[in-house]
Amino acid sequence: MTESKSVRIDKFLWSVRIFKTRSIASEECRKGRVLINGVPAKPSKTVVAGETVTVRKPPAVFTYRIIEPPGNRVSAKLTADFIEDLSPAEEKTKLTMKLSGSGSYRVRGTGRPTKKERRDLDRIIDDPNDW
């Protein structure tokens, strides 16, 4: 008789490095952004091998299949031994585009923007077609 190992979902998401901290994983579960087999999960919900976990990191949605829940946090190289990534490639590009476009480039040494420059930047960000 084989016993399947079960782990809390917040600990699982942290241990396979989907979220940076366990408290962030718990918060995302409370917000309803983590689904286990299509059902919203509370942080204390346990997961076992074979279940599907869907994580929404706006604007992207990632899907993982649990191969085996780890007992402790594992290194980034070993996460493939515990989860199978089922997410399409375009979901990953959505997230990278959002993260790369969040900052703007400013020439080094020019200092902080003046009040007028700041207003101009805000106008460009709010409505880029206005310029």
N, C-alpha and C. Protein backbone atom coordinates (compact mmCIF):
# COMPACT_ATOMS: atom_id res chain seq x y z
N MET A 1 0.84 -1.18 0.00
CA MET A 1 0.00 0.00 0.00
C MET A 1 0.89 1.25 0.00
N THR A 2 0.78 2.05 -1.04
CA THR A 2 1.59 3.26 -1.14
C THR A 2 0.78 4.46 -0.68
N GLU A 3 1.38 5.27 0.13
CA GLU A 3 0.73 6.48 0.59
C GLU A 3 1.22 7.65 -0.25
N SER A 4 0.28 8.44 -0.73
CA SER A 4 0.69 9.61 -1.49
C SER A 4 0.93 10.75 -0.50
N LYS A 5 2.01 11.45 -0.73
CA LYS A 5 2.41 12.54 0.14
C LYS A 5 1.54 13.76 -0.16
N SER A 6 1.08 14.44 0.88
CA SER A 6 0.29 15.66 0.67
C SER A 6 0.96 16.82 1.38
N VAL A 7 0.85 18.00 0.75
CA VAL A 7 1.46 19.23 1.25
C VAL A 7 0.46 20.35 1.08
N ARG A 8 0.48 21.32 1.98
CA ARG A 8 -0.37 22.50 1.84
C ARG A 8 -0.04 23.23 0.54
N ILE A 9 -1.05 23.82 -0.10
CA ILE A 9 -0.84 24.48 -1.39
C ILE A 9 0.09 25.69 -1.27
N ASP A 10 -0.02 26.47 -0.19
CA ASP A 10 0.86 27.63 -0.06
C ASP A 10 2.32 27.20 0.09
N LYS A 11 2.54 26.14 0.84
CA LYS A 11 3.91 25.63 1.00
C LYS A 11 4.42 25.03 -0.30
N PHE A 12 3.54 24.36 -1.04
CA PHE A 12 3.94 23.77 -2.32
C PHE A 12 4.35 24.86 -3.31
N LEU A 13 3.54 25.91 -3.45
CA LEU A 13 3.84 26.98 -4.40
C LEU A 13 5.16 27.67 -4.06
N TRP A 14 5.44 27.81 -2.77
CA TRP A 14 6.71 28.41 -2.33
C TRP A 14 7.86 27.44 -2.57
N SER A 15 7.67 26.16 -2.28
CA SER A 15 8.78 25.21 -2.36
C SER A 15 9.22 24.92 -3.79
N VAL A 16 8.32 25.04 -4.77
CA VAL A 16 8.73 24.84 -6.16
C VAL A 16 8.98 26.17 -6.87
N ARG A 17 9.09 27.23 -6.09
CA ARG A 17 9.52 28.55 -6.55
C ARG A 17 8.57 29.22 -7.55
N ILE A 18 7.29 28.99 -7.39
CA ILE A 18 6.31 29.72 -8.19
C ILE A 18 6.12 31.11 -7.59
N PHE A 19 6.18 31.18 -6.25
CA PHE A 19 6.15 32.46 -5.54
C PHE A 19 7.40 32.59 -4.69
N LYS A 20 7.82 33.83 -4.48
CA LYS A 20 9.07 34.10 -3.78
C LYS A 20 8.99 33.76 -2.29
N THR A 21 7.87 34.04 -1.66
CA THR A 21 7.71 33.73 -0.24
C THR A 21 6.41 32.97 -0.02
N ARG A 22 6.34 32.29 1.11
CA ARG A 22 5.14 31.53 1.45
C ARG A 22 3.99 32.48 1.76
N SER A 23 4.28 33.62 2.35
CA SER A 23 3.21 34.56 2.66
C SER A 23 2.59 35.14 1.38
N ILE A 24 3.39 35.35 0.34
CA ILE A 24 2.84 35.80 -0.94
C ILE A 24 1.95 34.71 -1.53
N ALA A 25 2.40 33.46 -1.43
CA ALA A 25 1.60 32.34 -1.93
C ALA A 25 0.26 32.25 -1.19
N SER A 26 0.28 32.44 0.12
CA SER A 26 -0.95 32.41 0.92
C SER A 26 -1.89 33.54 0.51
N GLU A 27 -1.33 34.72 0.31
CA GLU A 27 -2.13 35.88 -0.08
C GLU A 27 -2.78 35.66 -1.44
N GLU A 28 -2.04 35.10 -2.39
CA GLU A 28 -2.60 34.83 -3.72
C GLU A 28 -3.71 33.79 -3.65
N CYS A 29 -3.59 32.83 -2.76
CA CYS A 29 -4.66 31.85 -2.56
C CYS A 29 -5.91 32.53 -2.01
N ARG A 30 -5.73 33.42 -1.05
CA ARG A 30 -6.86 34.14 -0.46
C ARG A 30 -7.56 35.03 -1.49
N LYS A 31 -6.78 35.57 -2.43
CA LYS A 31 -7.35 36.42 -3.48
C LYS A 31 -8.09 35.62 -4.54
N GLY A 32 -7.95 34.30 -4.52
CA GLY A 32 -8.63 33.46 -5.49
C GLY A 32 -7.86 33.27 -6.79
N ARG A 33 -6.58 33.56 -6.78
CA ARG A 33 -5.77 33.44 -7.99
C ARG A 33 -5.13 32.06 -8.16
N VAL A 34 -5.35 31.18 -7.21
CA VAL A 34 -4.81 29.82 -7.29
C VAL A 34 -5.99 28.84 -7.34
N LEU A 35 -5.99 27.99 -8.36
CA LEU A 35 -7.04 26.99 -8.52
C LEU A 35 -6.42 25.61 -8.52
N ILE A 36 -7.07 24.68 -7.83
CA ILE A 36 -6.65 23.28 -7.85
C ILE A 36 -7.75 22.51 -8.55
N ASN A 37 -7.43 21.93 -9.70
CA ASN A 37 -8.40 21.22 -10.54
C ASN A 37 -9.62 22.08 -10.83
N GLY A 38 -9.40 23.38 -11.06
CA GLY A 38 -10.48 24.30 -11.42
C GLY A 38 -11.26 24.87 -10.26
N VAL A 39 -10.91 24.54 -9.03
CA VAL A 39 -11.63 25.02 -7.84
C VAL A 39 -10.71 25.96 -7.06
N PRO A 40 -11.20 27.16 -6.67
CA PRO A 40 -10.35 28.06 -5.88
C PRO A 40 -9.88 27.39 -4.59
N ALA A 41 -8.62 27.63 -4.24
CA ALA A 41 -8.02 26.95 -3.10
C ALA A 41 -7.68 27.91 -1.98
N LYS A 42 -7.97 27.50 -0.75
CA LYS A 42 -7.52 28.25 0.42
C LYS A 42 -6.07 27.83 0.68
N PRO A 43 -5.29 28.65 1.40
CA PRO A 43 -3.89 28.32 1.65
C PRO A 43 -3.67 26.99 2.37
N SER A 44 -4.64 26.54 3.15
CA SER A 44 -4.47 25.30 3.91
C SER A 44 -4.86 24.05 3.14
N LYS A 45 -5.37 24.20 1.93
CA LYS A 45 -5.77 23.04 1.11
C LYS A 45 -4.55 22.20 0.78
N THR A 46 -4.67 20.89 0.92
CA THR A 46 -3.54 20.01 0.62
C THR A 46 -3.62 19.53 -0.83
N VAL A 47 -2.44 19.32 -1.41
CA VAL A 47 -2.35 18.83 -2.77
C VAL A 47 -1.57 17.53 -2.79
N VAL A 48 -1.89 16.68 -3.75
CA VAL A 48 -1.21 15.40 -3.92
C VAL A 48 -0.75 15.28 -5.37
N ALA A 49 0.02 14.26 -5.65
CA ALA A 49 0.53 14.05 -7.00
C ALA A 49 -0.62 13.83 -7.98
N GLY A 50 -0.46 14.38 -9.19
CA GLY A 50 -1.45 14.21 -10.24
C GLY A 50 -2.44 15.35 -10.35
N GLU A 51 -2.51 16.24 -9.38
CA GLU A 51 -3.46 17.34 -9.45
C GLU A 51 -2.92 18.45 -10.34
N THR A 52 -3.84 19.24 -10.89
CA THR A 52 -3.50 20.37 -11.75
C THR A 52 -3.68 21.67 -10.96
N VAL A 53 -2.65 22.51 -10.98
CA VAL A 53 -2.70 23.79 -10.28
C VAL A 53 -2.63 24.90 -11.31
N THR A 54 -3.58 25.83 -11.24
CA THR A 54 -3.61 26.98 -12.13
C THR A 54 -3.33 28.23 -11.29
N VAL A 55 -2.34 29.01 -11.73
CA VAL A 55 -1.95 30.22 -11.00
C VAL A 55 -2.11 31.41 -11.93
N ARG A 56 -2.88 32.42 -11.48
CA ARG A 56 -3.05 33.63 -12.27
C ARG A 56 -2.10 34.70 -11.75
N LYS A 57 -1.18 35.12 -12.59
CA LYS A 57 -0.31 36.26 -12.31
C LYS A 57 -0.63 37.26 -13.39
N PRO A 58 -1.61 38.15 -13.13
CA PRO A 58 -2.10 39.01 -14.20
C PRO A 58 -0.96 39.68 -14.96
N PRO A 59 -1.00 39.66 -16.26
CA PRO A 59 -2.06 39.23 -17.18
C PRO A 59 -1.95 37.77 -17.61
N ALA A 60 -1.03 37.01 -17.08
CA ALA A 60 -0.79 35.63 -17.53
C ALA A 60 -1.45 34.61 -16.61
N VAL A 61 -1.74 33.43 -17.18
CA VAL A 61 -2.30 32.31 -16.43
C VAL A 61 -1.38 31.11 -16.67
N PHE A 62 -0.84 30.56 -15.58
CA PHE A 62 0.08 29.43 -15.67
C PHE A 62 -0.60 28.17 -15.13
N THR A 63 -0.32 27.04 -15.78
CA THR A 63 -0.90 25.77 -15.37
C THR A 63 0.22 24.76 -15.14
N TYR A 64 0.15 24.05 -14.02
CA TYR A 64 1.17 23.07 -13.66
C TYR A 64 0.49 21.77 -13.23
N ARG A 65 1.14 20.65 -13.52
CA ARG A 65 0.70 19.35 -13.01
C ARG A 65 1.71 18.91 -11.97
N ILE A 66 1.23 18.47 -10.84
CA ILE A 66 2.10 18.06 -9.74
C ILE A 66 2.56 16.63 -10.00
N ILE A 67 3.88 16.46 -10.08
CA ILE A 67 4.45 15.12 -10.22
C ILE A 67 4.58 14.49 -8.85
N GLU A 68 5.18 15.26 -7.93
CA GLU A 68 5.32 14.82 -6.54
C GLU A 68 5.52 16.05 -5.67
N PRO A 69 4.75 16.22 -4.61
CA PRO A 69 4.95 17.39 -3.75
C PRO A 69 6.24 17.25 -2.93
N PRO A 70 7.12 18.26 -2.99
CA PRO A 70 8.35 18.18 -2.20
C PRO A 70 8.09 18.47 -0.73
N GLY A 71 8.93 17.94 0.12
CA GLY A 71 8.79 18.19 1.56
C GLY A 71 9.31 19.57 1.94
N ASN A 72 10.42 19.97 1.34
CA ASN A 72 11.03 21.26 1.64
C ASN A 72 11.25 22.03 0.35
N ARG A 73 11.72 23.27 0.46
CA ARG A 73 12.00 24.09 -0.71
C ARG A 73 13.14 23.46 -1.50
N VAL A 74 12.98 23.41 -2.82
CA VAL A 74 13.99 22.80 -3.68
C VAL A 74 14.68 23.86 -4.52
N SER A 75 15.84 23.54 -5.03
CA SER A 75 16.56 24.50 -5.87
C SER A 75 15.84 24.67 -7.20
N ALA A 76 16.12 25.74 -7.88
CA ALA A 76 15.45 26.05 -9.14
C ALA A 76 15.69 24.97 -10.18
N LYS A 77 16.86 24.36 -10.15
CA LYS A 77 17.18 23.32 -11.12
C LYS A 77 16.34 22.06 -10.91
N LEU A 78 15.93 21.81 -9.67
CA LEU A 78 15.20 20.58 -9.35
C LEU A 78 13.68 20.72 -9.43
N THR A 79 13.18 21.89 -9.71
CA THR A 79 11.71 22.06 -9.74
C THR A 79 11.06 21.21 -10.83
N ALA A 80 11.78 20.93 -11.91
CA ALA A 80 11.22 20.11 -12.99
C ALA A 80 10.94 18.68 -12.54
N ASP A 81 11.59 18.24 -11.46
CA ASP A 81 11.34 16.90 -10.93
C ASP A 81 10.02 16.82 -10.17
N PHE A 82 9.47 17.97 -9.79
CA PHE A 82 8.28 18.00 -8.95
C PHE A 82 7.04 18.53 -9.65
N ILE A 83 7.22 19.37 -10.69
CA ILE A 83 6.06 19.91 -11.42
C ILE A 83 6.31 19.81 -12.92
N GLU A 84 5.21 19.71 -13.65
CA GLU A 84 5.26 19.73 -15.11
C GLU A 84 4.54 20.99 -15.56
N ASP A 85 5.21 21.82 -16.34
CA ASP A 85 4.64 23.07 -16.80
C ASP A 85 3.77 22.82 -18.02
N LEU A 86 2.48 23.11 -17.91
CA LEU A 86 1.53 22.93 -19.00
C LEU A 86 1.13 24.24 -19.65
N SER A 87 1.74 25.34 -19.25
CA SER A 87 1.38 26.67 -19.74
C SER A 87 1.84 26.86 -21.18
N PRO A 88 0.99 27.48 -22.01
CA PRO A 88 1.42 27.78 -23.37
C PRO A 88 2.47 28.89 -23.37
N ALA A 89 3.28 28.94 -24.42
CA ALA A 89 4.39 29.91 -24.50
C ALA A 89 3.89 31.35 -24.52
N GLU A 90 2.72 31.60 -25.11
CA GLU A 90 2.24 32.99 -25.18
C GLU A 90 1.90 33.56 -23.80
N GLU A 91 1.54 32.70 -22.84
CA GLU A 91 1.29 33.18 -21.48
C GLU A 91 2.58 33.70 -20.85
N LYS A 92 3.68 33.03 -21.12
CA LYS A 92 4.97 33.46 -20.58
C LYS A 92 5.41 34.77 -21.21
N THR A 93 5.13 34.95 -22.50
CA THR A 93 5.51 36.20 -23.16
C THR A 93 4.65 37.36 -22.67
N LYS A 94 3.39 37.09 -22.32
CA LYS A 94 2.54 38.16 -21.76
C LYS A 94 3.18 38.74 -20.50
N LEU A 95 3.64 37.85 -19.62
CA LEU A 95 4.22 38.30 -18.36
C LEU A 95 5.54 39.03 -18.58
N THR A 96 6.38 38.53 -19.48
CA THR A 96 7.66 39.20 -19.73
C THR A 96 7.46 40.55 -20.38
N MET A 97 6.45 40.67 -21.26
CA MET A 97 6.17 41.97 -21.89
C MET A 97 5.69 42.97 -20.84
N LYS A 98 4.87 42.52 -19.91
CA LYS A 98 4.38 43.43 -18.85
C LYS A 98 5.55 43.89 -17.97
N LEU A 99 6.41 42.95 -17.59
CA LEU A 99 7.52 43.30 -16.71
C LEU A 99 8.56 44.18 -17.41
N SER A 100 8.80 43.93 -18.69
CA SER A 100 9.82 44.71 -19.39
C SER A 100 9.33 46.11 -19.74
N GLY A 101 8.04 46.28 -19.93
CA GLY A 101 7.51 47.57 -20.31
C GLY A 101 7.14 48.46 -19.15
N SER A 102 7.34 48.00 -17.93
CA SER A 102 6.88 48.77 -16.78
C SER A 102 7.74 49.99 -16.50
N GLY A 103 9.02 49.93 -16.79
CA GLY A 103 9.89 51.07 -16.52
C GLY A 103 10.17 51.85 -17.78
N SER A 104 10.63 53.05 -17.61
CA SER A 104 11.01 53.83 -18.77
C SER A 104 12.50 54.14 -18.69
N TYR A 105 13.09 54.39 -19.82
CA TYR A 105 14.52 54.63 -19.88
C TYR A 105 14.81 56.09 -19.65
N ARG A 106 15.79 56.38 -18.83
CA ARG A 106 16.23 57.74 -18.57
C ARG A 106 17.74 57.76 -18.60
N VAL A 107 18.29 58.74 -19.28
CA VAL A 107 19.74 58.84 -19.44
C VAL A 107 20.39 59.02 -18.07
N ARG A 108 21.44 58.28 -17.85
CA ARG A 108 22.14 58.32 -16.57
C ARG A 108 22.72 59.72 -16.33
N GLY A 109 22.54 60.20 -15.11
CA GLY A 109 23.10 61.49 -14.74
C GLY A 109 22.17 62.66 -14.95
N THR A 110 21.00 62.44 -15.50
CA THR A 110 20.08 63.56 -15.73
C THR A 110 19.24 63.89 -14.51
N GLY A 111 19.27 63.04 -13.50
CA GLY A 111 18.55 63.32 -12.27
C GLY A 111 17.07 63.03 -12.38
N ARG A 112 16.35 63.47 -11.38
CA ARG A 112 14.92 63.27 -11.36
C ARG A 112 14.24 64.20 -12.35
N PRO A 113 13.07 63.79 -12.86
CA PRO A 113 12.37 64.68 -13.79
C PRO A 113 11.81 65.90 -13.07
N THR A 114 11.76 67.01 -13.80
CA THR A 114 11.15 68.22 -13.24
C THR A 114 9.64 68.03 -13.23
N LYS A 115 8.95 68.99 -12.64
CA LYS A 115 7.50 68.89 -12.55
C LYS A 115 6.87 68.86 -13.95
N LYS A 116 7.37 69.69 -14.84
CA LYS A 116 6.86 69.73 -16.21
C LYS A 116 7.15 68.42 -16.94
N GLU A 117 8.36 67.88 -16.78
CA GLU A 117 8.70 66.61 -17.42
C GLU A 117 7.82 65.48 -16.88
N ARG A 118 7.55 65.52 -15.60
CA ARG A 118 6.72 64.50 -14.97
C ARG A 118 5.30 64.54 -15.54
N ARG A 119 4.75 65.74 -15.70
CA ARG A 119 3.41 65.87 -16.29
C ARG A 119 3.39 65.37 -17.72
N ASP A 120 4.43 65.70 -18.48
CA ASP A 120 4.52 65.21 -19.86
C ASP A 120 4.59 63.68 -19.90
N LEU A 121 5.38 63.09 -19.01
CA LEU A 121 5.47 61.64 -18.94
C LEU A 121 4.12 61.02 -18.59
N ASP A 122 3.42 61.62 -17.65
CA ASP A 122 2.10 61.11 -17.26
C ASP A 122 1.12 61.18 -18.42
N ARG A 123 1.18 62.28 -19.21
CA ARG A 123 0.30 62.40 -20.37
C ARG A 123 0.62 61.33 -21.41
N ILE A 124 1.89 61.05 -21.62
CA ILE A 124 2.29 60.03 -22.60
C ILE A 124 1.82 58.65 -22.15
N ILE A 125 1.98 58.37 -20.87
CA ILE A 125 1.58 57.06 -20.35
C ILE A 125 0.07 56.89 -20.40
N ASP A 126 -0.69 57.93 -20.03
CA ASP A 126 -2.14 57.84 -20.01
C ASP A 126 -2.74 57.70 -21.41
N ASP A 127 -2.25 58.48 -22.35
CA ASP A 127 -2.78 58.43 -23.72
C ASP A 127 -1.65 58.66 -24.71
N PRO A 128 -1.01 57.59 -25.17
CA PRO A 128 0.14 57.74 -26.07
C PRO A 128 -0.26 58.31 -27.43
N ASN A 129 -1.52 58.21 -27.83
CA ASN A 129 -1.97 58.75 -29.12
C ASN A 129 -2.21 60.25 -29.07
N ASP A 130 -2.20 60.82 -27.88
CA ASP A 130 -2.45 62.25 -27.69
C ASP A 130 -1.27 63.08 -28.18
N TRP A 131 -0.09 62.52 -28.28
CA TRP A 131 1.10 63.26 -28.68
C TRP A 131 1.22 63.31 -30.14
